C-alpha atoms as a PDB file:
ATOM      1  CA  MET A   1      38.894 -35.473 113.658  1.00  0.00           C
ATOM      2  CA  SER A   2      38.294 -37.509 110.161  1.00  0.00           C
ATOM      3  CA  GLN A   3      42.119 -38.688 110.444  1.00  0.00           C
ATOM      4  CA  SER A   4      41.802 -40.597 113.035  1.00  0.00           C
ATOM      5  CA  VAL A   5      37.977 -42.051 112.773  1.00  0.00           C
ATOM      6  CA  ASP A   6      40.003 -43.345 109.364  1.00  0.00           C
ATOM      7  CA  ARG A   7      42.582 -44.704 111.599  1.00  0.00           C
ATOM      8  CA  ALA A   8      40.985 -46.340 114.274  1.00  0.00           C
ATOM      9  CA  LEU A   9      38.385 -47.869 111.476  1.00  0.00           C
ATOM     10  CA  ASP A  10      41.796 -49.634 110.086  1.00  0.00           C
ATOM     11  CA  VAL A  11      42.799 -50.893 112.648  1.00  0.00           C
ATOM     12  CA  LEU A  12      39.097 -52.348 113.575  1.00  0.00           C
ATOM     13  CA  ASP A  13      39.185 -54.066 110.213  1.00  0.00           C
ATOM     14  CA  ALA A  14      42.976 -55.133 110.235  1.00  0.00           C
ATOM     15  CA  VAL A  15      41.762 -57.412 113.180  1.00  0.00           C
ATOM     16  CA  SER A  16      38.378 -58.420 112.102  1.00  0.00           C
ATOM     17  CA  GLU A  17      40.261 -60.208 109.080  1.00  0.00           C
ATOM     18  CA  ALA A  18      43.054 -61.954 110.911  1.00  0.00           C
ATOM     19  CA  GLY A  19      42.715 -65.444 111.960  1.00  0.00           C
ATOM     20  CA  ALA A  20      43.989 -65.225 114.899  1.00  0.00           C
ATOM     21  CA  PRO A  21      44.743 -62.157 117.814  1.00  0.00           C
ATOM     22  CA  VAL A  22      46.869 -59.385 116.476  1.00  0.00           C
ATOM     23  CA  PRO A  23      49.414 -58.063 118.510  1.00  0.00           C
ATOM     24  CA  ALA A  24      49.779 -54.235 118.734  1.00  0.00           C
ATOM     25  CA  LYS A  25      53.346 -54.811 117.110  1.00  0.00           C
ATOM     26  CA  VAL A  26      52.427 -56.629 113.395  1.00  0.00           C
ATOM     27  CA  LEU A  27      49.252 -54.116 113.262  1.00  0.00           C
ATOM     28  CA  ALA A  28      51.710 -50.606 113.372  1.00  0.00           C
ATOM     29  CA  ARG A  29      54.227 -52.659 110.817  1.00  0.00           C
ATOM     30  CA  GLN A  30      50.977 -53.590 109.107  1.00  0.00           C
ATOM     31  CA  LEU A  31      49.097 -50.260 108.438  1.00  0.00           C
ATOM     32  CA  GLY A  32      52.853 -47.493 108.799  1.00  0.00           C
ATOM     33  CA  TYR A  33      51.161 -46.193 111.854  1.00  0.00           C
ATOM     34  CA  SER A  34      53.109 -45.220 115.222  1.00  0.00           C
ATOM     35  CA  LEU A  35      53.220 -47.892 117.398  1.00  0.00           C
ATOM     36  CA  SER A  36      52.314 -45.268 120.023  1.00  0.00           C
ATOM     37  CA  THR A  37      49.252 -44.251 117.684  1.00  0.00           C
ATOM     38  CA  VAL A  38      48.026 -47.805 117.691  1.00  0.00           C
ATOM     39  CA  TYR A  39      48.571 -48.453 121.072  1.00  0.00           C
ATOM     40  CA  GLU A  40      45.866 -45.348 121.688  1.00  0.00           C
ATOM     41  CA  ILE A  41      43.723 -46.439 119.363  1.00  0.00           C
ATOM     42  CA  LEU A  42      43.338 -50.215 121.352  1.00  0.00           C
ATOM     43  CA  GLY A  43      43.437 -48.365 124.109  1.00  0.00           C
ATOM     44  CA  THR A  44      40.131 -46.825 122.852  1.00  0.00           C
ATOM     45  CA  LEU A  45      38.142 -49.325 121.301  1.00  0.00           C
ATOM     46  CA  THR A  46      39.421 -51.976 123.784  1.00  0.00           C
ATOM     47  CA  ALA A  47      37.427 -49.617 126.516  1.00  0.00           C
ATOM     48  CA  ARG A  48      34.022 -49.577 124.359  1.00  0.00           C
ATOM     49  CA  GLY A  49      34.770 -53.011 124.182  1.00  0.00           C
ATOM     50  CA  HIS A  50      35.411 -53.302 120.090  1.00  0.00           C
ATOM     51  CA  LEU A  51      38.157 -55.192 121.049  1.00  0.00           C
ATOM     52  CA  VAL A  52      39.403 -57.537 123.566  1.00  0.00           C
ATOM     53  CA  ARG A  53      43.124 -58.041 124.579  1.00  0.00           C
ATOM     54  CA  THR A  54      44.116 -61.339 125.038  1.00  0.00           C
ATOM     55  CA  PRO A  55      48.008 -62.995 125.400  1.00  0.00           C
ATOM     56  CA  GLY A  56      48.051 -63.428 121.431  1.00  0.00           C
ATOM     57  CA  GLY A  57      47.650 -59.897 121.104  1.00  0.00           C
ATOM     58  CA  TYR A  58      43.984 -57.871 120.194  1.00  0.00           C
ATOM     59  CA  ALA A  59      40.491 -59.768 119.321  1.00  0.00           C
ATOM     60  CA  LEU A  60      37.280 -58.414 118.061  1.00  0.00           C
ATOM     61  CA  GLY A  61      35.262 -57.958 121.362  1.00  0.00           C
ATOM     62  CA  TYR A  62      32.291 -58.134 123.027  1.00  0.00           C
ATOM     63  CA  ARG A  63      30.603 -54.980 121.201  1.00  0.00           C
ATOM     64  CA  VAL A  64      30.675 -56.289 117.562  1.00  0.00           C
ATOM     65  CA  PRO A  65      27.909 -58.916 118.176  1.00  0.00           C
ATOM     66  CA  ALA A  66      25.726 -56.638 119.218  1.00  0.00           C
ATOM     67  CA  LEU A  67      26.452 -54.352 116.568  1.00  0.00           C
ATOM     68  CA  HIS A  68      25.238 -57.438 113.583  1.00  0.00           C
ATOM     69  CA  GLN A  69      22.644 -58.072 115.543  1.00  0.00           C
ATOM     70  CA  ALA A  70      21.163 -53.997 115.598  1.00  0.00           C
ATOM     71  CA  PHE A  71      22.260 -53.961 111.838  1.00  0.00           C
ATOM     72  CA  GLN A  72      19.880 -57.532 111.671  1.00  0.00           C
ATOM     73  CA  ARG A  73      17.375 -55.897 113.335  1.00  0.00           C
ATOM     74  CA  GLN A  74      17.831 -52.727 111.172  1.00  0.00           C
ATOM     75  CA  MET A  75      17.781 -54.705 107.875  1.00  0.00           C
ATOM     76  CA  GLN A  76      13.728 -56.788 109.627  1.00  0.00           C
ATOM     77  CA  LEU A  77      16.096 -60.349 109.913  1.00  0.00           C
ATOM     78  CA  ASP A  78      13.997 -61.561 112.625  1.00  0.00           C
ATOM     79  CA  ASP A  79      14.152 -64.872 114.161  1.00  0.00           C
ATOM     80  CA  ALA A  80      11.513 -65.315 111.524  1.00  0.00           C
ATOM     81  CA  VAL A  81      13.999 -64.540 109.061  1.00  0.00           C
ATOM     82  CA  HIS A  82      16.171 -66.528 110.499  1.00  0.00           C
ATOM     83  CA  ALA A  83      13.900 -70.061 111.279  1.00  0.00           C
ATOM     84  CA  LEU A  84      13.082 -69.221 107.718  1.00  0.00           C
ATOM     85  CA  LEU A  85      16.722 -70.108 106.190  1.00  0.00           C
ATOM     86  CA  LEU A  86      16.952 -72.637 108.870  1.00  0.00           C
ATOM     87  CA  ARG A  87      13.256 -74.523 106.830  1.00  0.00           C
ATOM     88  CA  ALA A  88      15.030 -74.207 103.628  1.00  0.00           C
ATOM     89  CA  ARG A  89      18.260 -75.591 104.329  1.00  0.00           C
ATOM     90  CA  ARG A  90      16.195 -78.923 106.014  1.00  0.00           C
ATOM     91  CA  GLU A  91      14.450 -78.885 102.441  1.00  0.00           C
ATOM     92  CA  ALA A  92      16.638 -78.100 100.587  1.00  0.00           C
ATOM     93  CA  GLY A  93      19.871 -80.212 101.844  1.00  0.00           C
ATOM     94  CA  ALA A  94      22.098 -77.462 101.213  1.00  0.00           C
ATOM     95  CA  ASP A  95      23.491 -73.893 102.117  1.00  0.00           C
ATOM     96  CA  THR A  96      21.288 -71.139 101.732  1.00  0.00           C
ATOM     97  CA  TYR A  97      21.682 -67.551 102.165  1.00  0.00           C
ATOM     98  CA  PHE A  98      18.718 -63.905 102.595  1.00  0.00           C
ATOM     99  CA  SER A  99      21.128 -61.299 100.883  1.00  0.00           C
ATOM    100  CA  THR A 100      19.856 -57.404  99.285  1.00  0.00           C
ATOM    101  CA  TYR A 101      20.766 -54.412  97.506  1.00  0.00           C
ATOM    102  CA  ARG A 102      21.087 -51.327  99.250  1.00  0.00           C
ATOM    103  CA  ASP A 103      22.712 -47.931  98.887  1.00  0.00           C
ATOM    104  CA  GLY A 104      24.962 -49.271  95.586  1.00  0.00           C
ATOM    105  CA  ALA A 105      25.914 -52.350  98.185  1.00  0.00           C
ATOM    106  CA  ILE A 106      25.020 -55.895  97.694  1.00  0.00           C
ATOM    107  CA  ALA A 107      25.182 -57.879 100.813  1.00  0.00           C
ATOM    108  CA  VAL A 108      25.072 -61.495 102.329  1.00  0.00           C
ATOM    109  CA  LEU A 109      23.080 -60.401 105.795  1.00  0.00           C
ATOM    110  CA  ALA A 110      22.178 -63.719 106.992  1.00  0.00           C
ATOM    111  CA  GLY A 111      23.583 -67.546 105.729  1.00  0.00           C
ATOM    112  CA  ASN A 112      22.849 -71.386 106.863  1.00  0.00           C
ATOM    113  CA  ALA A 113      25.779 -73.035 105.942  1.00  0.00           C
ATOM    114  CA  ALA A 114      26.914 -76.595 107.373  1.00  0.00           C
ATOM    115  CA  VAL A 115      30.291 -74.695 106.612  1.00  0.00           C
ATOM    116  CA  PRO A 116      30.465 -71.405 106.113  1.00  0.00           C
ATOM    117  CA  SER A 117      32.476 -71.278 103.523  1.00  0.00           C
ATOM    118  CA  THR A 118      31.240 -73.765 101.606  1.00  0.00           C
ATOM    119  CA  GLY A 119      29.167 -71.840  98.654  1.00  0.00           C
ATOM    120  CA  GLY A 120      32.425 -69.185  99.579  1.00  0.00           C
ATOM    121  CA  PHE A 121      30.721 -66.752 101.265  1.00  0.00           C
ATOM    122  CA  THR A 122      30.085 -65.120 104.424  1.00  0.00           C
ATOM    123  CA  VAL A 123      27.646 -62.689 106.148  1.00  0.00           C
ATOM    124  CA  GLY A 124      29.080 -59.368 104.921  1.00  0.00           C
ATOM    125  CA  ARG A 125      29.273 -57.190 101.654  1.00  0.00           C
ATOM    126  CA  ASP A 126      29.307 -59.349  97.962  1.00  0.00           C
ATOM    127  CA  LEU A 127      31.857 -57.324  95.920  1.00  0.00           C
ATOM    128  CA  ASP A 128      31.228 -60.051  93.367  1.00  0.00           C
ATOM    129  CA  GLY A 129      27.687 -59.750  92.581  1.00  0.00           C
ATOM    130  CA  HIS A 130      28.580 -60.222  88.783  1.00  0.00           C
ATOM    131  CA  ALA A 131      29.788 -63.648  89.783  1.00  0.00           C
ATOM    132  CA  THR A 132      27.144 -64.881  92.478  1.00  0.00           C
ATOM    133  CA  ALA A 133      23.523 -66.113  92.080  1.00  0.00           C
ATOM    134  CA  HIS A 134      22.083 -63.808  94.513  1.00  0.00           C
ATOM    135  CA  GLY A 135      24.261 -61.413  93.217  1.00  0.00           C
ATOM    136  CA  LYS A 136      22.021 -61.897  89.678  1.00  0.00           C
ATOM    137  CA  VAL A 137      18.680 -61.478  90.817  1.00  0.00           C
ATOM    138  CA  LEU A 138      19.654 -58.146  92.480  1.00  0.00           C
ATOM    139  CA  LEU A 139      21.636 -57.215  89.823  1.00  0.00           C
ATOM    140  CA  SER A 140      18.872 -57.464  87.538  1.00  0.00           C
ATOM    141  CA  ALA A 141      16.660 -55.831  89.156  1.00  0.00           C
ATOM    142  CA  LEU A 142      18.175 -52.608  88.984  1.00  0.00           C
ATOM    143  CA  PRO A 143      17.711 -50.190  86.117  1.00  0.00           C
ATOM    144  CA  ARG A 144      20.775 -50.126  83.840  1.00  0.00           C
ATOM    145  CA  ALA A 145      22.934 -46.966  84.444  1.00  0.00           C
ATOM    146  CA  ALA A 146      22.722 -47.894  88.570  1.00  0.00           C
ATOM    147  CA  ARG A 147      23.880 -51.568  87.725  1.00  0.00           C
ATOM    148  CA  MET A 148      26.660 -50.135  85.296  1.00  0.00           C
ATOM    149  CA  ARG A 149      27.520 -48.176  88.839  1.00  0.00           C
ATOM    150  CA  TYR A 150      28.047 -50.967  90.766  1.00  0.00           C
ATOM    151  CA  LEU A 151      30.101 -52.958  88.174  1.00  0.00           C
ATOM    152  CA  THR A 152      32.415 -50.184  88.042  1.00  0.00           C
ATOM    153  CA  GLY A 153      33.019 -49.448  91.234  1.00  0.00           C
ATOM    154  CA  THR A 154      33.512 -53.318  92.451  1.00  0.00           C
ATOM    155  CA  GLY A 155      34.810 -53.981  88.485  1.00  0.00           C
ATOM    156  CA  MET A 156      34.667 -57.741  86.991  1.00  0.00           C
ATOM    157  CA  ARG A 157      36.918 -59.703  88.066  1.00  0.00           C
ATOM    158  CA  ALA A 158      37.224 -63.527  86.902  1.00  0.00           C
ATOM    159  CA  ILE A 159      37.129 -65.715  90.254  1.00  0.00           C
ATOM    160  CA  THR A 160      37.608 -68.648  87.873  1.00  0.00           C
ATOM    161  CA  PRO A 161      37.503 -69.484  83.928  1.00  0.00           C
ATOM    162  CA  ARG A 162      33.751 -69.791  84.176  1.00  0.00           C
ATOM    163  CA  THR A 163      33.387 -65.945  85.661  1.00  0.00           C
ATOM    164  CA  ILE A 164      31.143 -63.734  83.473  1.00  0.00           C
ATOM    165  CA  THR A 165      33.836 -60.700  82.970  1.00  0.00           C
ATOM    166  CA  SER A 166      31.506 -59.334  79.528  1.00  0.00           C
ATOM    167  CA  PRO A 167      29.109 -56.539  81.014  1.00  0.00           C
ATOM    168  CA  ALA A 168      27.643 -57.439  77.351  1.00  0.00           C
ATOM    169  CA  ARG A 169      26.979 -61.234  78.773  1.00  0.00           C
ATOM    170  CA  LEU A 170      26.010 -60.141  81.813  1.00  0.00           C
ATOM    171  CA  ASP A 171      23.208 -57.633  80.936  1.00  0.00           C
ATOM    172  CA  ALA A 172      22.327 -60.756  78.214  1.00  0.00           C
ATOM    173  CA  GLU A 173      22.328 -63.415  81.607  1.00  0.00           C
ATOM    174  CA  LEU A 174      20.529 -60.718  83.590  1.00  0.00           C
ATOM    175  CA  LEU A 175      17.754 -60.197  81.374  1.00  0.00           C
ATOM    176  CA  ARG A 176      17.026 -63.780  81.052  1.00  0.00           C
ATOM    177  CA  VAL A 177      17.410 -63.672  85.026  1.00  0.00           C
ATOM    178  CA  ARG A 178      14.345 -61.263  84.854  1.00  0.00           C
ATOM    179  CA  ARG A 179      12.844 -63.194  82.373  1.00  0.00           C
ATOM    180  CA  GLU A 180      12.880 -66.692  84.476  1.00  0.00           C
ATOM    181  CA  GLY A 181      12.876 -64.997  87.515  1.00  0.00           C
ATOM    182  CA  VAL A 182      15.666 -67.417  89.008  1.00  0.00           C
ATOM    183  CA  ALA A 183      19.332 -66.918  88.422  1.00  0.00           C
ATOM    184  CA  VAL A 184      22.160 -69.589  88.564  1.00  0.00           C
ATOM    185  CA  GLU A 185      25.626 -69.967  88.527  1.00  0.00           C
ATOM    186  CA  VAL A 186      28.234 -73.172  88.327  1.00  0.00           C
ATOM    187  CA  GLU A 187      31.752 -72.535  89.465  1.00  0.00           C
ATOM    188  CA  GLU A 188      31.835 -68.694  88.742  1.00  0.00           C
ATOM    189  CA  CYS A 189      31.797 -68.086  92.269  1.00  0.00           C
ATOM    190  CA  ALA A 190      33.206 -70.721  93.976  1.00  0.00           C
ATOM    191  CA  PRO A 191      35.610 -74.161  92.066  1.00  0.00           C
ATOM    192  CA  GLY A 192      33.481 -77.144  92.351  1.00  0.00           C
ATOM    193  CA  VAL A 193      29.957 -75.258  93.848  1.00  0.00           C
ATOM    194  CA  ALA A 194      27.376 -74.292  92.135  1.00  0.00           C
ATOM    195  CA  CYS A 195      24.059 -72.170  93.266  1.00  0.00           C
ATOM    196  CA  VAL A 196      20.379 -70.869  92.327  1.00  0.00           C
ATOM    197  CA  ALA A 197      18.705 -68.011  94.030  1.00  0.00           C
ATOM    198  CA  VAL A 198      15.259 -66.280  93.104  1.00  0.00           C
ATOM    199  CA  PRO A 199      13.920 -62.749  94.504  1.00  0.00           C
ATOM    200  CA  VAL A 200      11.959 -61.856  97.485  1.00  0.00           C
ATOM    201  CA  PRO A 201       9.187 -60.551  95.320  1.00  0.00           C
ATOM    202  CA  ALA A 202       8.651 -57.001  96.088  1.00  0.00           C
ATOM    203  CA  ALA A 203       6.092 -54.449  97.310  1.00  0.00           C
ATOM    204  CA  ALA A 204       3.357 -53.486  94.477  1.00  0.00           C
ATOM    205  CA  GLY A 205       5.288 -51.215  92.183  1.00  0.00           C
ATOM    206  CA  GLY A 206       8.526 -51.817  93.867  1.00  0.00           C
ATOM    207  CA  ARG A 207      11.935 -53.792  92.753  1.00  0.00           C
ATOM    208  CA  ALA A 208      12.916 -56.730  93.994  1.00  0.00           C
ATOM    209  CA  MET A 209      15.825 -56.048  96.155  1.00  0.00           C
ATOM    210  CA  THR A 210      16.074 -59.019  98.971  1.00  0.00           C
ATOM    211  CA  ALA A 211      16.720 -62.835  97.317  1.00  0.00           C
ATOM    212  CA  VAL A 212      17.383 -65.903  99.126  1.00  0.00           C
ATOM    213  CA  SER A 213      20.059 -68.433  97.698  1.00  0.00           C
ATOM    214  CA  ALA A 214      21.495 -71.519  98.150  1.00  0.00           C
ATOM    215  CA  ALA A 215      24.896 -73.368  97.495  1.00  0.00           C
ATOM    216  CA  VAL A 216      25.347 -76.714  96.920  1.00  0.00           C
ATOM    217  CA  PRO A 217      27.712 -79.525  95.435  1.00  0.00           C
ATOM    218  CA  LEU A 218      28.051 -79.451  91.532  1.00  0.00           C
ATOM    219  CA  GLU A 219      27.547 -83.337  91.541  1.00  0.00           C
ATOM    220  CA  ASP A 220      23.993 -82.344  93.204  1.00  0.00           C
ATOM    221  CA  PHE A 221      22.934 -79.627  90.669  1.00  0.00           C
ATOM    222  CA  HIS A 222      21.913 -81.014  88.004  1.00  0.00           C
ATOM    223  CA  ARG A 223      19.713 -83.710  89.522  1.00  0.00           C
ATOM    224  CA  ARG A 224      18.829 -80.874  92.361  1.00  0.00           C
ATOM    225  CA  ARG A 225      17.854 -78.024  90.314  1.00  0.00           C
ATOM    226  CA  ALA A 226      14.268 -78.318  89.922  1.00  0.00           C
ATOM    227  CA  GLN A 227      14.199 -79.030  94.094  1.00  0.00           C
ATOM    228  CA  LEU A 228      16.251 -76.222  94.654  1.00  0.00           C
ATOM    229  CA  THR A 229      13.800 -73.430  93.212  1.00  0.00           C
ATOM    230  CA  GLY A 230      10.959 -74.521  93.939  1.00  0.00           C
ATOM    231  CA  THR A 231      12.233 -74.500  97.992  1.00  0.00           C
ATOM    232  CA  LEU A 232      13.489 -71.182  97.709  1.00  0.00           C
ATOM    233  CA  ARG A 233      10.866 -69.513  95.905  1.00  0.00           C
ATOM    234  CA  HIS A 234       8.425 -70.646  98.516  1.00  0.00           C
ATOM    235  CA  VAL A 235      11.075 -69.775 100.992  1.00  0.00           C
ATOM    236  CA  ALA A 236      10.871 -66.059  99.193  1.00  0.00           C
ATOM    237  CA  ALA A 237       7.270 -65.529  99.224  1.00  0.00           C
ATOM    238  CA  GLU A 238       7.071 -66.612 103.075  1.00  0.00           C
ATOM    239  CA  ALA A 239      10.007 -63.681 103.163  1.00  0.00           C
ATOM    240  CA  ALA A 240       7.177 -61.368 101.004  1.00  0.00           C
ATOM    241  CA  LYS A 241       4.787 -61.719 103.967  1.00  0.00           C
ATOM    242  CA  LEU A 242       6.884 -61.182 106.490  1.00  0.00           C
ATOM    243  CA  ALA A 243       8.525 -58.376 105.218  1.00  0.00           C
ATOM    244  CA  ALA A 244       4.609 -56.978 104.403  1.00  0.00           C
ATOM    245  CA  ARG A 245       3.880 -57.320 108.323  1.00  0.00           C
ATOM    246  CA  HIS A 246       7.103 -55.621 109.465  1.00  0.00           C
ATOM    247  CA  ARG A 247       5.635 -52.658 107.152  1.00  0.00           C
ATOM    248  CA  GLY A 248       2.576 -52.580 108.435  1.00  0.00           C
ATOM    249  CA  ALA A 249       3.184 -52.839 112.277  1.00  0.00           C
ATOM    250  CA  GLY A 250       5.643 -49.853 111.354  1.00  0.00           C
ATOM    251  CA  ALA A 251       3.032 -48.194 109.785  1.00  0.00           C
ATOM    252  CA  ALA A 252       0.478 -48.748 112.425  1.00  0.00           C
ATOM    253  CA  SER A 253       3.601 -47.872 115.325  1.00  0.00           C
ATOM    254  CA  THR A 254       3.479 -44.431 113.783  1.00  0.00           C
ATOM    255  CA  PRO A 255       1.492 -41.394 114.556  1.00  0.00           C
ATOM    256  CA  SER A 256      -0.337 -39.879 112.007  1.00  0.00           C
ATOM    257  CA  GLY A 257       0.376 -36.245 111.553  1.00  0.00           C
ATOM    258  CA  GLY A 258      -2.412 -33.598 112.108  1.00  0.00           C
END
C-alpha cells in the first residue's frame, strides 16, 4: 500500500514539474516504472480529478486548485490577506510575498508578482531559506537547534556567488535581523534582484512564524529600501490584526468544556 501511494505521488509530482502535458510513456521512462503501472496510476488520478488527459499527455486536473484553496484556508490566508498583498504591491511598486515556517519547513504561501519568476519565488516550499529575505526572518525567530535542523536538512547551496553558505556567517546575519526587525538579501537568491522582508508580529509570548517580503530589481533597491521596509511593516501589522481576529473567531466558535 505504501509503495502504491509513493508511486502515485511520484507521478503527480512529475506531472506538476513538467512544463507541458506529459505522455504516459515519458512518465514511465522518467520514473522507471512499468507502463502498465503508470497507466493504472494515471487512471486513478484522472478519475479523482487530480490529473486530466489531453491530446499531448497528462496535465494537472481541476481538483488541484481546490486543494490549494483548502490549504490556504487552513493557513488562514483569506481574501483579506490577498488584498493586503495587492495593496502592498500597489504602494511599494514591487512583487510581494507572504511566507511561513511550519513543521520544520519554510514555504511561500501567497504572492502578488507581475512576473512570477521576478524574485525567483513561486508559491510552495522554499528549500533555500538561507538565501532569501523571508527565510532569514523566519530562521532568525527559531531556536538555534531548530534552525540547524532546517539547514542540515536543506543544505546551504550556493545559488549565486553572493549566497551565504557558512553557518557562522548566517548566524551573524540572523542576529542582525533579530536586532533590526528586517532582513535583506542582495543577489543572494537571484542575480539582479534584491529583497526585503519583515516579520508579522506574533501573539504575546510567541515567535514570528510568518513574514511579508518584497522583491525589486537591484537598480531600484538602494533608493527604495526605506520605502519598501515601511510599507512591509505596515502590511505586517495589518496581517497580525487579521490573524488575531481569526484566533478570536475560532475561540468563540469552540464550545467550552465542563
